[in-house]
Amino acid sequence: MKFDQQTIKNTIILLRIPFSIYLMPVYFFAVSQTEEIDWVNALIVFLVLHLLVYPASNGYNSFMDRDTESIGGIEKPPLPSNLLFWCTLAMDFIAVNVSLFFLNNTFTTLMIAYILMSRAYSYKGIRLKKYPIPGFLTVFIFQGFVTFWMVSEGISSSMNTFLQSDLIFPAIATSFMIGGAYPMSQIYQHKQDADSGDLSISMMLGIKGTFYFGMVLFGLAGGILFYYFEVLQHGSFLTYILFLLPLLAWFQIWMIKTFKNEKEASFHNLMRMNNISAVCMNFCYIFFAIQNHLDFSLF
């Protein structure tokens, strides 16, 4: 089986490997809060998720959707080929085998569950994304809580009783943050989703409702993290807020502009929010990771 150069190039584009930067905050948040870390395993988990699992999920979604308009990270996506489908299967196969060989069974089980739900989300025969509530809950649970749990289990150097630990609070907060951001990612593509026969949660909420819904879920995440940082960890919730100030400011600016003119609910404005979010949250959680894991007594 031979594929021309353009087909290979299009396949690489549709895997959307750079898009993984928007999913990195969950990884870095889990790293920053997990107490005992095996740093070799932490590197393996990072590579497995961001170079294999996430791109395979992106590619499979593109293969099923065959988008002709803007999608996350790509303004003008090329049409997918069979090469893309086989690449996603190969990447999942490699991810599972690497995890079985180098990591633990809990991480591998959670990763397989993530992969299966990602496929159920996009697969035409099931297609959870065409239903607003099941589609939302799939992303809310698996890109949030389950991914945080998965990373913590994969990187931990001790027997991690995750579900009995305080880590469930940042994991739950992560789900609320993902849940608030998810409808925002759909706000510019109501027509495209309707043409595909999908009813997204953003379509159900409407443009204004999508912003209000995001505000509520972000607020709930903030409340949980305030309790976690200030009460359970005796840390600084204020530090977290200071890192996120540019994101909070842009969200308010974008909301006001969109309420005045719904054309502002555009791909470019969404990507601006995604970029600000990635910078703020990745730097925030990397800072926490350095603060919590670097032994300053060595200096």
Protein backbone atom coordinates (compact mmCIF):
# COMPACT_ATOMS: atom_id res chain seq x y z
CA MET A 1 0.00 0.00 0.00
CA LYS A 2 1.55 3.29 -1.14
CA PHE A 3 0.54 6.84 -0.27
CA ASP A 4 1.68 10.00 -1.99
CA GLN A 5 3.50 12.81 -0.24
CA GLN A 6 0.40 15.01 0.06
CA THR A 7 -1.59 12.22 1.73
CA ILE A 8 1.18 11.72 4.28
CA LYS A 9 1.36 15.48 4.91
CA ASN A 10 -2.42 15.72 5.35
CA THR A 11 -2.35 12.80 7.77
CA ILE A 12 0.28 14.49 9.93
CA ILE A 13 -1.75 17.72 9.89
CA LEU A 14 -4.94 15.95 10.97
CA LEU A 15 -3.21 14.23 13.88
CA ARG A 16 -2.91 17.77 15.26
CA ILE A 17 0.08 16.98 17.44
CA PRO A 18 0.63 20.68 18.38
CA PHE A 19 -2.97 20.73 19.68
CA SER A 20 -1.75 18.59 22.60
CA ILE A 21 -0.41 21.77 24.20
CA TYR A 22 -4.02 22.67 25.07
CA LEU A 23 -4.37 19.35 26.94
CA MET A 24 -1.05 19.60 28.78
CA PRO A 25 -2.42 21.54 31.78
CA VAL A 26 -4.13 18.40 33.09
CA TYR A 27 -0.82 16.53 32.99
CA PHE A 28 1.15 19.30 34.68
CA PHE A 29 -1.56 19.82 37.31
CA ALA A 30 -1.44 16.12 38.21
CA VAL A 31 2.38 16.22 38.32
CA SER A 32 2.32 19.27 40.58
CA GLN A 33 -0.04 17.67 43.11
CA THR A 34 1.15 14.03 43.16
CA GLU A 35 3.51 13.69 46.12
CA GLU A 36 6.01 10.95 45.19
CA ILE A 37 6.98 10.87 41.52
CA ASP A 38 9.01 8.48 39.41
CA TRP A 39 10.43 11.00 36.94
CA VAL A 40 11.24 8.41 34.28
CA ASN A 41 7.63 7.25 34.36
CA ALA A 42 6.52 10.89 34.29
CA LEU A 43 8.41 11.37 31.01
CA ILE A 44 6.95 8.18 29.54
CA VAL A 45 3.41 9.20 30.52
CA PHE A 46 3.94 12.63 28.94
CA LEU A 47 5.16 11.14 25.66
CA VAL A 48 2.48 8.42 25.52
CA LEU A 49 -0.34 10.89 26.04
CA HIS A 50 0.84 13.86 24.01
CA LEU A 51 2.52 12.10 21.10
CA LEU A 52 0.30 9.01 20.79
CA VAL A 53 -3.05 8.98 22.61
CA TYR A 54 -4.19 12.56 22.04
CA PRO A 55 -3.08 12.79 18.38
CA ALA A 56 -4.69 9.40 17.66
CA SER A 57 -7.94 10.67 19.17
CA ASN A 58 -7.73 13.88 17.10
CA GLY A 59 -7.03 11.93 13.93
CA TYR A 60 -9.85 9.43 14.46
CA ASN A 61 -12.28 12.28 15.11
CA SER A 62 -11.17 13.98 11.87
CA PHE A 63 -11.49 10.70 9.96
CA MET A 64 -15.08 10.29 11.16
CA ASP A 65 -16.15 13.92 10.82
CA ARG A 66 -14.45 14.75 7.50
CA ASP A 67 -14.63 18.44 8.40
CA THR A 68 -14.43 21.04 5.67
CA GLU A 69 -14.53 24.06 8.00
CA SER A 70 -12.39 25.12 10.96
CA ILE A 71 -11.65 22.59 13.69
CA GLY A 72 -9.57 22.90 16.84
CA GLY A 73 -6.11 24.05 15.82
CA ILE A 74 -6.73 23.94 12.04
CA GLU A 75 -8.55 26.71 10.19
CA LYS A 76 -8.78 24.83 6.87
CA PRO A 77 -8.51 21.08 7.47
CA PRO A 78 -7.60 18.78 4.56
CA LEU A 79 -9.76 15.74 3.85
CA PRO A 80 -8.70 12.57 5.68
CA SER A 81 -7.55 9.36 4.02
CA ASN A 82 -7.41 5.70 5.01
CA LEU A 83 -3.80 6.30 6.04
CA LEU A 84 -5.08 8.50 8.87
CA PHE A 85 -7.34 5.70 10.14
CA TRP A 86 -4.54 3.13 10.18
CA CYS A 87 -2.17 5.59 11.83
CA THR A 88 -4.61 6.14 14.69
CA LEU A 89 -4.90 2.38 15.25
CA ALA A 90 -1.12 1.95 15.18
CA MET A 91 -0.59 4.81 17.64
CA ASP A 92 -3.15 3.38 20.06
CA PHE A 93 -1.52 -0.06 19.77
CA ILE A 94 1.91 1.40 20.54
CA ALA A 95 0.55 3.45 23.45
CA VAL A 96 -1.08 0.42 25.08
CA ASN A 97 2.00 -1.77 24.68
CA VAL A 98 4.39 0.89 25.98
CA SER A 99 2.13 1.38 28.99
CA LEU A 100 1.90 -2.35 29.68
CA PHE A 101 5.67 -2.73 29.47
CA PHE A 102 6.88 0.39 31.30
CA LEU A 103 3.98 1.59 33.47
CA ASN A 104 1.36 0.03 35.74
CA ASN A 105 -1.93 -1.74 35.17
CA THR A 106 -4.08 1.05 36.62
CA PHE A 107 -2.66 3.62 34.23
CA THR A 108 -3.06 1.25 31.29
CA THR A 109 -6.65 0.37 32.20
CA LEU A 110 -7.63 4.02 32.54
CA MET A 111 -5.86 4.86 29.26
CA ILE A 112 -7.71 2.09 27.42
CA ALA A 113 -11.00 3.35 28.87
CA TYR A 114 -10.08 6.86 27.64
CA ILE A 115 -9.30 5.57 24.15
CA LEU A 116 -12.54 3.55 23.93
CA MET A 117 -14.68 6.49 25.07
CA SER A 118 -12.87 8.76 22.62
CA ARG A 119 -13.78 6.36 19.83
CA ALA A 120 -17.39 6.07 21.03
CA TYR A 121 -17.51 9.87 21.02
CA SER A 122 -16.69 10.03 17.28
CA TYR A 123 -17.65 6.65 15.78
CA LYS A 124 -20.64 6.96 13.44
CA GLY A 125 -22.31 3.85 14.87
CA ILE A 126 -22.38 5.33 18.39
CA ARG A 127 -21.33 8.97 18.03
CA LEU A 128 -21.84 10.32 21.53
CA LYS A 129 -20.90 13.79 20.27
CA LYS A 130 -24.20 14.08 18.38
CA TYR A 131 -26.06 14.15 21.70
CA PRO A 132 -25.51 17.24 23.86
CA ILE A 133 -25.56 15.65 27.32
CA PRO A 134 -23.77 12.31 26.63
CA GLY A 135 -21.17 14.14 24.54
CA PHE A 136 -20.59 16.70 27.28
CA LEU A 137 -20.38 14.08 30.04
CA THR A 138 -17.87 12.02 28.05
CA VAL A 139 -15.50 14.97 27.78
CA PHE A 140 -16.26 16.19 31.31
CA ILE A 141 -15.43 12.84 32.92
CA PHE A 142 -12.67 11.44 30.72
CA GLN A 143 -10.68 14.52 29.71
CA GLY A 144 -10.98 15.85 33.25
CA PHE A 145 -11.19 13.52 36.26
CA VAL A 146 -10.10 10.31 34.52
CA THR A 147 -7.09 11.92 32.81
CA PHE A 148 -5.93 13.54 36.07
CA TRP A 149 -6.32 10.17 37.84
CA MET A 150 -4.57 8.34 35.00
CA VAL A 151 -1.56 10.68 35.05
CA SER A 152 -1.27 10.54 38.84
CA GLU A 153 -1.30 6.73 38.79
CA GLY A 154 1.23 6.56 35.96
CA ILE A 155 3.79 8.91 37.48
CA SER A 156 3.55 7.90 41.13
CA SER A 157 6.46 6.03 42.67
CA SER A 158 4.34 4.74 45.57
CA MET A 159 1.18 2.72 46.02
CA ASN A 160 -1.24 5.52 45.24
CA THR A 161 -4.64 5.28 46.93
CA PHE A 162 -5.93 8.02 44.66
CA LEU A 163 -9.65 7.70 45.41
CA GLN A 164 -9.00 7.95 49.17
CA SER A 165 -6.69 10.94 48.85
CA ASP A 166 -7.16 14.70 48.63
CA LEU A 167 -6.24 14.44 44.93
CA ILE A 168 -9.88 13.77 44.06
CA PHE A 169 -10.55 17.48 44.64
CA PRO A 170 -8.20 18.87 41.96
CA ALA A 171 -9.33 16.00 39.72
CA ILE A 172 -12.98 17.03 40.13
CA ALA A 173 -12.03 20.69 39.64
CA THR A 174 -10.26 19.70 36.42
CA SER A 175 -13.48 18.16 35.14
CA PHE A 176 -15.34 21.40 35.83
CA MET A 177 -12.67 23.43 34.03
CA ILE A 178 -12.76 21.07 31.04
CA GLY A 179 -16.56 21.11 31.18
CA GLY A 180 -16.60 24.91 31.09
CA ALA A 181 -14.18 25.08 28.18
CA TYR A 182 -15.76 22.29 26.09
CA PRO A 183 -18.92 24.17 24.98
CA MET A 184 -16.76 27.20 24.21
CA SER A 185 -14.88 25.06 21.68
CA GLN A 186 -18.17 24.50 19.82
CA ILE A 187 -19.45 28.07 19.89
CA TYR A 188 -18.27 29.01 16.39
CA GLN A 189 -19.37 25.82 14.59
CA HIS A 190 -23.13 25.58 15.19
CA LYS A 191 -23.84 25.49 11.46
CA GLN A 192 -21.16 22.88 10.80
CA ASP A 193 -22.47 20.66 13.61
CA ALA A 194 -26.04 21.03 12.36
CA ASP A 195 -24.98 20.06 8.84
CA SER A 196 -23.34 16.93 10.33
CA GLY A 197 -26.53 16.01 12.19
CA ASP A 198 -24.94 16.70 15.59
CA LEU A 199 -26.58 18.63 18.42
CA SER A 200 -23.76 20.05 20.52
CA ILE A 201 -24.30 21.33 24.02
CA SER A 202 -23.32 24.81 22.78
CA MET A 203 -26.13 24.65 20.20
CA MET A 204 -28.54 23.62 22.95
CA LEU A 205 -27.39 26.45 25.23
CA GLY A 206 -27.13 29.13 22.53
CA ILE A 207 -24.22 31.55 22.26
CA LYS A 208 -25.04 33.57 25.38
CA GLY A 209 -25.97 30.44 27.30
CA THR A 210 -22.60 28.91 26.41
CA PHE A 211 -20.78 31.81 28.07
CA TYR A 212 -23.03 31.71 31.14
CA PHE A 213 -22.60 27.94 31.41
CA GLY A 214 -18.82 28.34 31.20
CA MET A 215 -18.87 30.98 33.94
CA VAL A 216 -20.84 28.69 36.27
CA LEU A 217 -18.54 25.71 35.76
CA PHE A 218 -15.38 27.79 36.05
CA GLY A 219 -16.80 29.25 39.26
CA LEU A 220 -17.46 25.77 40.66
CA ALA A 221 -13.92 24.73 39.76
CA GLY A 222 -12.61 27.81 41.54
CA GLY A 223 -14.64 27.01 44.66
CA ILE A 224 -13.30 23.45 44.80
CA LEU A 225 -9.72 24.61 44.29
CA PHE A 226 -10.09 27.28 46.96
CA TYR A 227 -11.08 24.56 49.43
CA TYR A 228 -8.27 22.29 48.23
CA PHE A 229 -5.49 24.89 48.30
CA GLU A 230 -6.49 26.93 51.34
CA VAL A 231 -8.08 24.31 53.63
CA LEU A 232 -6.53 20.96 52.71
CA GLN A 233 -3.10 21.95 51.46
CA HIS A 234 -2.59 25.26 53.29
CA GLY A 235 -1.35 26.64 50.02
CA SER A 236 -2.12 29.79 48.11
CA PHE A 237 -5.25 30.00 45.99
CA LEU A 238 -4.25 33.60 45.27
CA THR A 239 -1.18 32.39 43.34
CA TYR A 240 -3.46 30.28 41.14
CA ILE A 241 -5.75 33.25 40.44
CA LEU A 242 -2.82 35.56 39.64
CA PHE A 243 -1.55 33.16 36.99
CA LEU A 244 -5.02 32.94 35.44
CA LEU A 245 -5.79 36.68 35.40
CA PRO A 246 -5.07 37.15 31.65
CA LEU A 247 -7.38 34.24 30.84
CA LEU A 248 -10.16 35.54 33.09
CA ALA A 249 -9.79 39.01 31.56
CA TRP A 250 -9.94 37.73 27.97
CA PHE A 251 -12.96 35.56 28.74
CA GLN A 252 -14.85 38.65 30.01
CA ILE A 253 -13.73 40.78 27.06
CA TRP A 254 -14.73 38.11 24.54
CA MET A 255 -18.09 37.59 26.24
CA ILE A 256 -18.92 41.32 26.16
CA LYS A 257 -17.86 41.61 22.49
CA THR A 258 -19.90 38.55 21.52
CA PHE A 259 -23.02 39.72 23.35
CA LYS A 260 -22.82 42.90 21.27
CA ASN A 261 -22.08 41.06 18.01
CA GLU A 262 -22.51 37.28 17.71
CA LYS A 263 -20.01 37.23 14.82
CA GLU A 264 -17.35 37.58 17.51
CA ALA A 265 -18.07 33.94 18.42
CA SER A 266 -15.43 33.01 15.85
CA PHE A 267 -12.67 30.48 15.35
CA HIS A 268 -10.00 33.17 15.72
CA ASN A 269 -11.35 34.41 19.06
CA LEU A 270 -11.67 30.86 20.34
CA MET A 271 -8.06 30.11 19.39
CA ARG A 272 -6.97 33.30 21.12
CA MET A 273 -8.68 32.07 24.29
CA ASN A 274 -7.13 28.62 23.87
CA ASN A 275 -3.66 30.12 23.45
CA ILE A 276 -4.01 32.37 26.49
CA SER A 277 -5.40 29.45 28.49
CA ALA A 278 -2.54 27.13 27.49
CA VAL A 279 0.12 29.69 28.44
CA CYS A 280 -1.47 30.69 31.76
CA MET A 281 -2.41 27.22 32.96
CA ASN A 282 0.74 25.41 31.82
CA PHE A 283 2.98 28.01 33.47
CA CYS A 284 0.81 27.95 36.60
CA TYR A 285 1.02 24.19 37.05
CA ILE A 286 4.70 24.01 36.10
CA PHE A 287 5.32 26.64 38.78
CA PHE A 288 3.41 24.51 41.31
CA ALA A 289 5.37 21.43 40.22
CA ILE A 290 8.70 23.22 40.77
CA GLN A 291 7.49 24.62 44.08
CA ASN A 292 6.28 21.24 45.35
CA HIS A 293 9.01 18.96 44.02
CA LEU A 294 12.26 20.90 43.74
CA ASP A 295 14.39 20.54 46.84
CA PHE A 296 15.53 24.10 47.47
CA SER A 297 17.71 22.90 50.35
CA LEU A 298 20.18 21.73 47.68
CA PHE A 299 21.00 25.32 46.79
